[in-house]
Amino acid sequence: MRVLVTGADGFVGRHLCAHFRKHGDQVIEALGPSATVGANRLRVDVTDSNSVLAAFRSAQPEAVVNLAGFSSVAKSNTDPLQVWMVNALGSVNVLTSARELDQKVRVLLVGSGEMYGVLPAGSPATEDMPLLPVGPYGSSKAAAELAGMQFWRAHGLDVVMARAFNHLGRGQQSTYVVPSLARQIQSIRRGASEPTIQVGNLQAVRDFLAVEDTVAAYRVLLTQGRSGAAYNVCSGTGRTIRSLLDEMLQIAGVEARVEVDPVRLRSNDIPWLVGSPRRINELGWTATNSVTQALKDVLDEQSATQ
């Protein structure tokens, strides 16, 4: 399979490209406007329709995974215009370029569990639930999916939608919750800082996957997903952020005080966000990597970089 990956230099993008190559696929990496280009590496600005179309015509892909996006839920509230430009308009540009190619192209649009908004505690989200996002990130992702459905209905474009819940592993930016906690833990472990960890809302419940399972799900959706359908990419199991922190402290053998940093709190934080993986399970995908190992990987990475 010849596949074009936008946002290939991001956290998930790097893992996904490696996963594709492991399975013998030919990967063309679509990187940011300032990236270094080379063999099978292109510069793309997804907010520029001409840039996206030029990349598609150069790559001539059989399949596309759109990972280019504004990925921080926490930061999306400070710059909603940029979030909508990249996540929504960028997706429209990808869809339009796929439609313009002479050959048939399958597009995987990667959305988010944040699109569901506030769920009743104990009720995992299923794909037939309404999308009721509460912030710019979830709203812009929902708009991108709506555009994908419109292109499928109106133009017959082969589009599959992924609704990805939280994932973690090596390579995630330290501004995200698990790498941030890991960095503080390793600093305490080395004696470089006071045994205090700054946190946000530890009671929030989220559905976590190791990033290796997330990218495996994306390939399954590209090869087996039904056109016009949306699929949750999740474990079906909810965990509080506090439980992740406690497990990381145990793994590292560290004791620390925990202090809430008001800066780390979100005004529109969703208390409980867990998905049902039933639909993607029916395609043969299940999570095979443990969150515990993913936490160890993040701790090891933070140890090596300090």
C-alpha atoms as a PDB file:
ATOM      1  CA  MET A   1       0.000   0.000   0.000  1.00  0.00           C
ATOM      2  CA  ARG A   2       1.306   3.447  -0.936  1.00  0.00           C
ATOM      3  CA  VAL A   3       0.193   5.740   1.888  1.00  0.00           C
ATOM      4  CA  LEU A   4       0.596   9.459   2.494  1.00  0.00           C
ATOM      5  CA  VAL A   5       0.713  10.497   6.161  1.00  0.00           C
ATOM      6  CA  THR A   6       0.135  14.140   7.014  1.00  0.00           C
ATOM      7  CA  GLY A   7       1.582  15.214  10.346  1.00  0.00           C
ATOM      8  CA  ALA A   8       4.140  12.441   9.965  1.00  0.00           C
ATOM      9  CA  ASP A   9       6.635  14.212  12.220  1.00  0.00           C
ATOM     10  CA  GLY A  10       4.273  14.300  15.195  1.00  0.00           C
ATOM     11  CA  PHE A  11       4.062  11.908  18.122  1.00  0.00           C
ATOM     12  CA  VAL A  12       1.597   9.485  16.554  1.00  0.00           C
ATOM     13  CA  GLY A  13       2.858  10.160  13.038  1.00  0.00           C
ATOM     14  CA  ARG A  14       6.336   8.828  13.744  1.00  0.00           C
ATOM     15  CA  HIS A  15       4.940   5.659  15.295  1.00  0.00           C
ATOM     16  CA  LEU A  16       2.439   5.216  12.463  1.00  0.00           C
ATOM     17  CA  CYS A  17       5.050   5.566   9.710  1.00  0.00           C
ATOM     18  CA  ALA A  18       7.222   2.968  11.440  1.00  0.00           C
ATOM     19  CA  HIS A  19       4.211   0.646  11.757  1.00  0.00           C
ATOM     20  CA  PHE A  20       3.370   0.971   8.066  1.00  0.00           C
ATOM     21  CA  ARG A  21       6.953   0.231   7.034  1.00  0.00           C
ATOM     22  CA  LYS A  22       7.042  -2.780   9.321  1.00  0.00           C
ATOM     23  CA  HIS A  23       4.110  -4.158   7.311  1.00  0.00           C
ATOM     24  CA  GLY A  24       5.801  -3.509   3.968  1.00  0.00           C
ATOM     25  CA  ASP A  25       3.869  -0.373   3.035  1.00  0.00           C
ATOM     26  CA  GLN A  26       5.445   2.479   1.091  1.00  0.00           C
ATOM     27  CA  VAL A  27       5.162   5.643   3.169  1.00  0.00           C
ATOM     28  CA  ILE A  28       5.316   9.238   1.973  1.00  0.00           C
ATOM     29  CA  GLU A  29       5.723  11.614   4.897  1.00  0.00           C
ATOM     30  CA  ALA A  30       3.931  14.964   4.669  1.00  0.00           C
ATOM     31  CA  LEU A  31       5.703  17.266   7.101  1.00  0.00           C
ATOM     32  CA  GLY A  32       5.322  20.869   8.207  1.00  0.00           C
ATOM     33  CA  PRO A  33       6.227  23.838   5.978  1.00  0.00           C
ATOM     34  CA  SER A  34       9.690  24.255   7.556  1.00  0.00           C
ATOM     35  CA  ALA A  35      10.685  20.567   7.603  1.00  0.00           C
ATOM     36  CA  THR A  36      13.674  19.108   5.798  1.00  0.00           C
ATOM     37  CA  VAL A  37      12.568  17.249   2.693  1.00  0.00           C
ATOM     38  CA  GLY A  38      14.081  14.276   0.909  1.00  0.00           C
ATOM     39  CA  ALA A  39      13.155  10.886  -0.455  1.00  0.00           C
ATOM     40  CA  ASN A  40       9.485  10.247   0.388  1.00  0.00           C
ATOM     41  CA  ARG A  41       9.367  13.411   2.509  1.00  0.00           C
ATOM     42  CA  LEU A  42       7.310  16.440   1.448  1.00  0.00           C
ATOM     43  CA  ARG A  43       6.583  19.854   2.945  1.00  0.00           C
ATOM     44  CA  VAL A  44       2.884  20.520   3.407  1.00  0.00           C
ATOM     45  CA  ASP A  45       0.864  23.328   4.956  1.00  0.00           C
ATOM     46  CA  VAL A  46      -2.591  21.800   5.394  1.00  0.00           C
ATOM     47  CA  THR A  47      -4.181  25.252   5.687  1.00  0.00           C
ATOM     48  CA  ASP A  48      -2.970  26.026   2.135  1.00  0.00           C
ATOM     49  CA  SER A  49      -5.074  24.181  -0.452  1.00  0.00           C
ATOM     50  CA  ASN A  50      -2.419  24.549  -3.179  1.00  0.00           C
ATOM     51  CA  SER A  51       0.256  23.088  -0.904  1.00  0.00           C
ATOM     52  CA  VAL A  52      -1.907  20.075  -0.082  1.00  0.00           C
ATOM     53  CA  LEU A  53      -2.882  19.429  -3.712  1.00  0.00           C
ATOM     54  CA  ALA A  54       0.754  19.646  -4.829  1.00  0.00           C
ATOM     55  CA  ALA A  55       1.719  17.064  -2.199  1.00  0.00           C
ATOM     56  CA  PHE A  56      -1.058  14.706  -3.304  1.00  0.00           C
ATOM     57  CA  ARG A  57      -0.100  14.997  -6.943  1.00  0.00           C
ATOM     58  CA  SER A  58       3.537  14.356  -6.113  1.00  0.00           C
ATOM     59  CA  ALA A  59       2.848  11.410  -3.803  1.00  0.00           C
ATOM     60  CA  GLN A  60       0.076   9.751  -5.883  1.00  0.00           C
ATOM     61  CA  PRO A  61      -1.095   7.790  -2.798  1.00  0.00           C
ATOM     62  CA  GLU A  62      -3.507   4.895  -2.615  1.00  0.00           C
ATOM     63  CA  ALA A  63      -4.363   5.851   0.956  1.00  0.00           C
ATOM     64  CA  VAL A  64      -4.034   8.918   3.178  1.00  0.00           C
ATOM     65  CA  VAL A  65      -3.993   9.278   6.959  1.00  0.00           C
ATOM     66  CA  ASN A  66      -4.658  12.850   8.065  1.00  0.00           C
ATOM     67  CA  LEU A  67      -2.790  13.358  11.333  1.00  0.00           C
ATOM     68  CA  ALA A  68      -1.893  17.003  10.718  1.00  0.00           C
ATOM     69  CA  GLY A  69      -3.639  18.994  13.369  1.00  0.00           C
ATOM     70  CA  PHE A  70      -3.611  21.159  16.458  1.00  0.00           C
ATOM     71  CA  SER A  71      -3.394  18.364  18.992  1.00  0.00           C
ATOM     72  CA  SER A  72      -3.405  20.009  22.433  1.00  0.00           C
ATOM     73  CA  VAL A  73      -6.829  20.074  24.050  1.00  0.00           C
ATOM     74  CA  ALA A  74      -5.499  22.270  26.858  1.00  0.00           C
ATOM     75  CA  LYS A  75      -3.984  24.900  24.542  1.00  0.00           C
ATOM     76  CA  SER A  76      -6.885  24.957  22.106  1.00  0.00           C
ATOM     77  CA  ASN A  77      -8.813  27.440  24.269  1.00  0.00           C
ATOM     78  CA  THR A  78      -6.089  30.080  23.874  1.00  0.00           C
ATOM     79  CA  ASP A  79      -6.036  30.063  20.056  1.00  0.00           C
ATOM     80  CA  PRO A  80      -9.365  28.753  18.730  1.00  0.00           C
ATOM     81  CA  LEU A  81      -8.907  30.333  15.288  1.00  0.00           C
ATOM     82  CA  GLN A  82      -5.703  28.394  14.657  1.00  0.00           C
ATOM     83  CA  VAL A  83      -7.341  25.219  15.951  1.00  0.00           C
ATOM     84  CA  TRP A  84     -10.212  25.563  13.481  1.00  0.00           C
ATOM     85  CA  MET A  85      -7.882  26.535  10.622  1.00  0.00           C
ATOM     86  CA  VAL A  86      -5.678  23.471  11.050  1.00  0.00           C
ATOM     87  CA  ASN A  87      -8.161  20.840  12.202  1.00  0.00           C
ATOM     88  CA  ALA A  88     -11.253  21.752  10.198  1.00  0.00           C
ATOM     89  CA  LEU A  89     -10.036  23.701   7.151  1.00  0.00           C
ATOM     90  CA  GLY A  90      -6.944  21.497   6.905  1.00  0.00           C
ATOM     91  CA  SER A  91      -9.142  18.409   6.728  1.00  0.00           C
ATOM     92  CA  VAL A  92     -11.300  19.991   4.019  1.00  0.00           C
ATOM     93  CA  ASN A  93      -8.149  20.667   2.000  1.00  0.00           C
ATOM     94  CA  VAL A  94      -7.074  17.034   2.401  1.00  0.00           C
ATOM     95  CA  LEU A  95     -10.494  15.779   1.337  1.00  0.00           C
ATOM     96  CA  THR A  96     -10.616  18.122  -1.655  1.00  0.00           C
ATOM     97  CA  SER A  97      -7.163  17.067  -2.831  1.00  0.00           C
ATOM     98  CA  ALA A  98      -8.084  13.390  -2.511  1.00  0.00           C
ATOM     99  CA  ARG A  99     -11.166  14.043  -4.654  1.00  0.00           C
ATOM    100  CA  GLU A 100      -9.043  15.793  -7.301  1.00  0.00           C
ATOM    101  CA  LEU A 101      -6.685  12.871  -7.896  1.00  0.00           C
ATOM    102  CA  ASP A 102      -7.309  10.700 -10.934  1.00  0.00           C
ATOM    103  CA  GLN A 103      -7.074   7.430  -9.003  1.00  0.00           C
ATOM    104  CA  LYS A 104      -9.282   6.299  -6.130  1.00  0.00           C
ATOM    105  CA  VAL A 105      -7.876   7.213  -2.727  1.00  0.00           C
ATOM    106  CA  ARG A 106      -8.958   6.009   0.718  1.00  0.00           C
ATOM    107  CA  VAL A 107      -8.773   8.690   3.413  1.00  0.00           C
ATOM    108  CA  LEU A 108      -8.611   8.072   7.152  1.00  0.00           C
ATOM    109  CA  LEU A 109      -9.653  11.165   9.095  1.00  0.00           C
ATOM    110  CA  VAL A 110      -8.395  11.015  12.665  1.00  0.00           C
ATOM    111  CA  GLY A 111     -10.750  12.647  15.122  1.00  0.00           C
ATOM    112  CA  SER A 112     -11.004  12.422  18.895  1.00  0.00           C
ATOM    113  CA  GLY A 113     -13.075  11.080  21.741  1.00  0.00           C
ATOM    114  CA  GLU A 114     -13.326  14.738  22.815  1.00  0.00           C
ATOM    115  CA  MET A 115     -15.957  15.069  20.084  1.00  0.00           C
ATOM    116  CA  TYR A 116     -18.485  13.305  22.334  1.00  0.00           C
ATOM    117  CA  GLY A 117     -18.287  15.976  25.010  1.00  0.00           C
ATOM    118  CA  VAL A 118     -19.557  15.277  28.527  1.00  0.00           C
ATOM    119  CA  LEU A 119     -20.689  11.685  29.027  1.00  0.00           C
ATOM    120  CA  PRO A 120     -22.641  10.227  31.937  1.00  0.00           C
ATOM    121  CA  ALA A 121     -20.158   8.490  34.234  1.00  0.00           C
ATOM    122  CA  GLY A 122     -20.176   4.774  33.547  1.00  0.00           C
ATOM    123  CA  SER A 123     -21.620   5.070  30.017  1.00  0.00           C
ATOM    124  CA  PRO A 124     -18.925   4.446  27.377  1.00  0.00           C
ATOM    125  CA  ALA A 125     -19.364   6.371  24.142  1.00  0.00           C
ATOM    126  CA  THR A 126     -20.618   4.422  21.145  1.00  0.00           C
ATOM    127  CA  GLU A 127     -20.371   5.636  17.582  1.00  0.00           C
ATOM    128  CA  ASP A 128     -24.117   6.212  17.251  1.00  0.00           C
ATOM    129  CA  MET A 129     -24.136   8.765  20.100  1.00  0.00           C
ATOM    130  CA  PRO A 130     -24.467  12.452  19.195  1.00  0.00           C
ATOM    131  CA  LEU A 131     -21.322  14.560  19.043  1.00  0.00           C
ATOM    132  CA  LEU A 132     -21.554  17.343  21.650  1.00  0.00           C
ATOM    133  CA  PRO A 133     -18.032  18.783  22.009  1.00  0.00           C
ATOM    134  CA  VAL A 134     -17.401  21.437  24.638  1.00  0.00           C
ATOM    135  CA  GLY A 135     -14.191  23.090  23.433  1.00  0.00           C
ATOM    136  CA  PRO A 136     -12.462  24.295  20.248  1.00  0.00           C
ATOM    137  CA  TYR A 137     -10.436  21.107  19.866  1.00  0.00           C
ATOM    138  CA  GLY A 138     -13.370  18.697  19.973  1.00  0.00           C
ATOM    139  CA  SER A 139     -15.569  21.044  17.944  1.00  0.00           C
ATOM    140  CA  SER A 140     -13.013  21.449  15.166  1.00  0.00           C
ATOM    141  CA  LYS A 141     -12.511  17.679  15.007  1.00  0.00           C
ATOM    142  CA  ALA A 142     -16.261  17.132  14.810  1.00  0.00           C
ATOM    143  CA  ALA A 143     -16.440  19.654  11.960  1.00  0.00           C
ATOM    144  CA  ALA A 144     -13.680  17.772  10.119  1.00  0.00           C
ATOM    145  CA  GLU A 145     -15.610  14.521  10.460  1.00  0.00           C
ATOM    146  CA  LEU A 146     -18.795  16.195   9.243  1.00  0.00           C
ATOM    147  CA  ALA A 147     -16.862  17.372   6.173  1.00  0.00           C
ATOM    148  CA  GLY A 148     -15.643  13.821   5.626  1.00  0.00           C
ATOM    149  CA  MET A 149     -19.212  12.533   5.699  1.00  0.00           C
ATOM    150  CA  GLN A 150     -20.271  15.225   3.233  1.00  0.00           C
ATOM    151  CA  PHE A 151     -17.488  14.271   0.783  1.00  0.00           C
ATOM    152  CA  TRP A 152     -18.483  10.606   1.117  1.00  0.00           C
ATOM    153  CA  ARG A 153     -22.175  11.278   0.523  1.00  0.00           C
ATOM    154  CA  ALA A 154     -21.860  13.929  -2.189  1.00  0.00           C
ATOM    155  CA  HIS A 155     -18.770  12.785  -4.077  1.00  0.00           C
ATOM    156  CA  GLY A 156     -18.409   9.104  -3.227  1.00  0.00           C
ATOM    157  CA  LEU A 157     -15.007   9.742  -1.657  1.00  0.00           C
ATOM    158  CA  ASP A 158     -13.745   6.690   0.231  1.00  0.00           C
ATOM    159  CA  VAL A 159     -13.512   8.098   3.764  1.00  0.00           C
ATOM    160  CA  VAL A 160     -13.214   6.302   7.116  1.00  0.00           C
ATOM    161  CA  MET A 161     -13.337   8.186  10.425  1.00  0.00           C
ATOM    162  CA  ALA A 162     -11.346   7.317  13.551  1.00  0.00           C
ATOM    163  CA  ARG A 163     -12.340   8.728  16.928  1.00  0.00           C
ATOM    164  CA  ALA A 164      -9.167   8.292  18.925  1.00  0.00           C
ATOM    165  CA  PHE A 165      -9.144   8.426  22.698  1.00  0.00           C
ATOM    166  CA  ASN A 166      -6.017   9.088  24.787  1.00  0.00           C
ATOM    167  CA  HIS A 167      -2.774   7.381  23.829  1.00  0.00           C
ATOM    168  CA  LEU A 168       0.683   7.485  25.351  1.00  0.00           C
ATOM    169  CA  GLY A 169       4.209   6.266  24.744  1.00  0.00           C
ATOM    170  CA  ARG A 170       7.670   7.402  23.714  1.00  0.00           C
ATOM    171  CA  GLY A 171       7.952  10.659  21.808  1.00  0.00           C
ATOM    172  CA  GLN A 172       5.004  12.580  23.257  1.00  0.00           C
ATOM    173  CA  GLN A 173       5.688  16.216  24.089  1.00  0.00           C
ATOM    174  CA  SER A 174       6.396  16.953  27.741  1.00  0.00           C
ATOM    175  CA  THR A 175       3.483  19.413  27.860  1.00  0.00           C
ATOM    176  CA  TYR A 176       1.060  16.456  27.893  1.00  0.00           C
ATOM    177  CA  VAL A 177       0.015  15.047  31.221  1.00  0.00           C
ATOM    178  CA  VAL A 178       1.874  11.713  31.364  1.00  0.00           C
ATOM    179  CA  PRO A 179       5.245  12.997  30.044  1.00  0.00           C
ATOM    180  CA  SER A 180       4.907  16.023  32.342  1.00  0.00           C
ATOM    181  CA  LEU A 181       4.394  13.785  35.367  1.00  0.00           C
ATOM    182  CA  ALA A 182       7.222  11.498  34.247  1.00  0.00           C
ATOM    183  CA  ARG A 183       9.634  14.412  33.891  1.00  0.00           C
ATOM    184  CA  GLN A 184       8.856  15.624  37.415  1.00  0.00           C
ATOM    185  CA  ILE A 185       9.173  12.113  38.850  1.00  0.00           C
ATOM    186  CA  GLN A 186      12.546  11.523  37.239  1.00  0.00           C
ATOM    187  CA  SER A 187      13.782  14.906  38.451  1.00  0.00           C
ATOM    188  CA  ILE A 188      12.854  13.941  42.015  1.00  0.00           C
ATOM    189  CA  ARG A 189      14.422  10.504  41.519  1.00  0.00           C
ATOM    190  CA  ARG A 190      17.734  12.122  40.587  1.00  0.00           C
ATOM    191  CA  GLY A 191      17.561  14.464  43.570  1.00  0.00           C
ATOM    192  CA  ALA A 192      17.431  17.496  41.285  1.00  0.00           C
ATOM    193  CA  SER A 193      14.245  18.944  42.721  1.00  0.00           C
ATOM    194  CA  GLU A 194      12.050  18.958  45.802  1.00  0.00           C
ATOM    195  CA  PRO A 195       9.789  15.888  46.185  1.00  0.00           C
ATOM    196  CA  THR A 196       6.701  17.774  45.001  1.00  0.00           C
ATOM    197  CA  ILE A 197       4.718  17.131  41.849  1.00  0.00           C
ATOM    198  CA  GLN A 198       2.592  19.837  40.279  1.00  0.00           C
ATOM    199  CA  VAL A 199      -0.657  18.495  38.835  1.00  0.00           C
ATOM    200  CA  GLY A 200      -3.964  19.512  37.297  1.00  0.00           C
ATOM    201  CA  ASN A 201      -7.223  17.640  37.747  1.00  0.00           C
ATOM    202  CA  LEU A 202      -6.309  14.144  38.925  1.00  0.00           C
ATOM    203  CA  GLN A 203      -9.922  12.967  39.156  1.00  0.00           C
ATOM    204  CA  ALA A 204     -10.585  13.114  35.411  1.00  0.00           C
ATOM    205  CA  VAL A 205     -11.230   9.652  33.962  1.00  0.00           C
ATOM    206  CA  ARG A 206      -9.819   8.854  30.533  1.00  0.00           C
ATOM    207  CA  ASP A 207      -9.510   5.855  28.207  1.00  0.00           C
ATOM    208  CA  PHE A 208      -5.827   5.176  27.526  1.00  0.00           C
ATOM    209  CA  LEU A 209      -4.065   3.094  24.887  1.00  0.00           C
ATOM    210  CA  ALA A 210      -0.403   2.489  24.244  1.00  0.00           C
ATOM    211  CA  VAL A 211       0.436   4.364  21.050  1.00  0.00           C
ATOM    212  CA  GLU A 212       1.489   1.085  19.413  1.00  0.00           C
ATOM    213  CA  ASP A 213      -2.107  -0.122  19.657  1.00  0.00           C
ATOM    214  CA  THR A 214      -3.427   3.182  18.332  1.00  0.00           C
ATOM    215  CA  VAL A 215      -1.362   3.064  15.146  1.00  0.00           C
ATOM    216  CA  ALA A 216      -2.204  -0.614  14.631  1.00  0.00           C
ATOM    217  CA  ALA A 217      -5.879   0.372  14.790  1.00  0.00           C
ATOM    218  CA  TYR A 218      -5.352   3.040  12.119  1.00  0.00           C
ATOM    219  CA  ARG A 219      -3.900   0.525   9.706  1.00  0.00           C
ATOM    220  CA  VAL A 220      -6.792  -1.867  10.368  1.00  0.00           C
ATOM    221  CA  LEU A 221      -9.242   0.939   9.605  1.00  0.00           C
ATOM    222  CA  LEU A 222      -7.427   1.791   6.371  1.00  0.00           C
ATOM    223  CA  THR A 223      -7.488  -1.789   5.186  1.00  0.00           C
ATOM    224  CA  GLN A 224     -10.788  -3.034   6.629  1.00  0.00           C
ATOM    225  CA  GLY A 225     -12.906  -0.105   7.790  1.00  0.00           C
ATOM    226  CA  ARG A 226     -16.236   0.560   6.109  1.00  0.00           C
ATOM    227  CA  SER A 227     -16.395   3.694   3.984  1.00  0.00           C
ATOM    228  CA  GLY A 228     -18.522   6.393   5.594  1.00  0.00           C
ATOM    229  CA  ALA A 229     -18.283   4.804   9.047  1.00  0.00           C
ATOM    230  CA  ALA A 230     -16.758   6.101  12.274  1.00  0.00           C
ATOM    231  CA  TYR A 231     -14.817   3.905  14.701  1.00  0.00           C
ATOM    232  CA  ASN A 232     -13.751   4.519  18.285  1.00  0.00           C
ATOM    233  CA  VAL A 233     -10.075   3.750  18.878  1.00  0.00           C
ATOM    234  CA  CYS A 234     -10.035   3.002  22.584  1.00  0.00           C
ATOM    235  CA  SER A 235      -9.708   0.320  25.254  1.00  0.00           C
ATOM    236  CA  GLY A 236     -13.132   0.582  26.875  1.00  0.00           C
ATOM    237  CA  THR A 237     -11.481   0.965  30.285  1.00  0.00           C
ATOM    238  CA  GLY A 238     -11.412   4.226  32.212  1.00  0.00           C
ATOM    239  CA  ARG A 239      -8.618   5.309  34.544  1.00  0.00           C
ATOM    240  CA  THR A 240      -8.189   8.430  36.637  1.00  0.00           C
ATOM    241  CA  ILE A 241      -5.104  10.543  36.076  1.00  0.00           C
ATOM    242  CA  ARG A 242      -4.404   9.935  39.766  1.00  0.00           C
ATOM    243  CA  SER A 243      -4.152   6.184  39.158  1.00  0.00           C
ATOM    244  CA  LEU A 244      -1.592   6.777  36.406  1.00  0.00           C
ATOM    245  CA  LEU A 245       0.447   9.033  38.689  1.00  0.00           C
ATOM    246  CA  ASP A 246       0.362   6.493  41.535  1.00  0.00           C
ATOM    247  CA  GLU A 247       1.490   3.711  39.192  1.00  0.00           C
ATOM    248  CA  MET A 248       4.334   5.816  37.815  1.00  0.00           C
ATOM    249  CA  LEU A 249       5.524   6.693  41.312  1.00  0.00           C
ATOM    250  CA  GLN A 250       5.491   2.992  42.204  1.00  0.00           C
ATOM    251  CA  ILE A 251       7.412   2.046  39.058  1.00  0.00           C
ATOM    252  CA  ALA A 252      10.035   4.728  39.735  1.00  0.00           C
ATOM    253  CA  GLY A 253      10.238   3.986  43.461  1.00  0.00           C
ATOM    254  CA  VAL A 254       9.577   7.639  44.304  1.00  0.00           C
ATOM    255  CA  GLU A 255       7.555   9.255  47.076  1.00  0.00           C
ATOM    256  CA  ALA A 256       6.345  12.793  46.544  1.00  0.00           C
ATOM    257  CA  ARG A 257       3.844  15.379  47.676  1.00  0.00           C
ATOM    258  CA  VAL A 258       1.177  16.283  45.173  1.00  0.00           C
ATOM    259  CA  GLU A 259       0.148  19.909  44.720  1.00  0.00           C
ATOM    260  CA  VAL A 260      -2.543  21.250  42.409  1.00  0.00           C
ATOM    261  CA  ASP A 261      -1.258  23.950  40.085  1.00  0.00           C
ATOM    262  CA  PRO A 262      -4.191  26.207  39.072  1.00  0.00           C
ATOM    263  CA  VAL A 263      -2.502  26.879  35.727  1.00  0.00           C
ATOM    264  CA  ARG A 264      -2.865  23.185  34.860  1.00  0.00           C
ATOM    265  CA  LEU A 265      -6.637  23.147  35.441  1.00  0.00           C
ATOM    266  CA  ARG A 266      -9.019  23.441  32.457  1.00  0.00           C
ATOM    267  CA  SER A 267     -12.235  25.422  32.709  1.00  0.00           C
ATOM    268  CA  ASN A 268     -14.098  22.978  30.437  1.00  0.00           C
ATOM    269  CA  ASP A 269     -12.443  19.721  31.488  1.00  0.00           C
ATOM    270  CA  ILE A 270     -14.595  16.654  30.823  1.00  0.00           C
ATOM    271  CA  PRO A 271     -14.938  14.567  34.022  1.00  0.00           C
ATOM    272  CA  TRP A 272     -15.408  11.127  32.399  1.00  0.00           C
ATOM    273  CA  LEU A 273     -14.493  10.154  28.839  1.00  0.00           C
ATOM    274  CA  VAL A 274     -14.374   6.455  27.952  1.00  0.00           C
ATOM    275  CA  GLY A 275     -15.254   4.785  24.662  1.00  0.00           C
ATOM    276  CA  SER A 276     -16.624   1.466  23.524  1.00  0.00           C
ATOM    277  CA  PRO A 277     -14.292  -0.415  21.140  1.00  0.00           C
ATOM    278  CA  ARG A 278     -16.955  -2.893  20.024  1.00  0.00           C
ATOM    279  CA  ARG A 279     -17.150  -1.706  16.415  1.00  0.00           C
ATOM    280  CA  ILE A 280     -13.407  -1.821  15.759  1.00  0.00           C
ATOM    281  CA  ASN A 281     -13.138  -5.107  17.682  1.00  0.00           C
ATOM    282  CA  GLU A 282     -15.451  -6.574  15.056  1.00  0.00           C
ATOM    283  CA  LEU A 283     -12.728  -5.860  12.469  1.00  0.00           C
ATOM    284  CA  GLY A 284     -10.310  -8.029  14.445  1.00  0.00           C
ATOM    285  CA  TRP A 285      -8.431  -5.293  16.299  1.00  0.00           C
ATOM    286  CA  THR A 286      -7.871  -5.478  20.055  1.00  0.00           C
ATOM    287  CA  ALA A 287      -5.396  -3.719  22.313  1.00  0.00           C
ATOM    288  CA  THR A 288      -2.384  -5.960  22.945  1.00  0.00           C
ATOM    289  CA  ASN A 289       0.034  -3.569  24.670  1.00  0.00           C
ATOM    290  CA  SER A 290      -0.275  -2.687  28.339  1.00  0.00           C
ATOM    291  CA  VAL A 291      -0.624   0.845  29.645  1.00  0.00           C
ATOM    292  CA  THR A 292       1.838  -0.136  32.370  1.00  0.00           C
ATOM    293  CA  GLN A 293       4.541  -0.784  29.768  1.00  0.00           C
ATOM    294  CA  ALA A 294       3.702   2.489  28.059  1.00  0.00           C
ATOM    295  CA  LEU A 295       4.163   4.304  31.384  1.00  0.00           C
ATOM    296  CA  LYS A 296       7.532   2.592  31.836  1.00  0.00           C
ATOM    297  CA  ASP A 297       8.525   3.680  28.331  1.00  0.00           C
ATOM    298  CA  VAL A 298       7.659   7.305  29.076  1.00  0.00           C
ATOM    299  CA  LEU A 299       9.557   7.213  32.370  1.00  0.00           C
ATOM    300  CA  ASP A 300      12.599   5.697  30.668  1.00  0.00           C
ATOM    301  CA  GLU A 301      12.499   8.336  27.951  1.00  0.00           C
ATOM    302  CA  GLN A 302      12.295  11.181  30.443  1.00  0.00           C
ATOM    303  CA  SER A 303      15.168   9.673  32.397  1.00  0.00           C
ATOM    304  CA  ALA A 304      17.338   9.567  29.286  1.00  0.00           C
ATOM    305  CA  THR A 305      16.598  13.160  28.263  1.00  0.00           C
ATOM    306  CA  GLN A 306      17.363  14.782  31.610  1.00  0.00           C
END
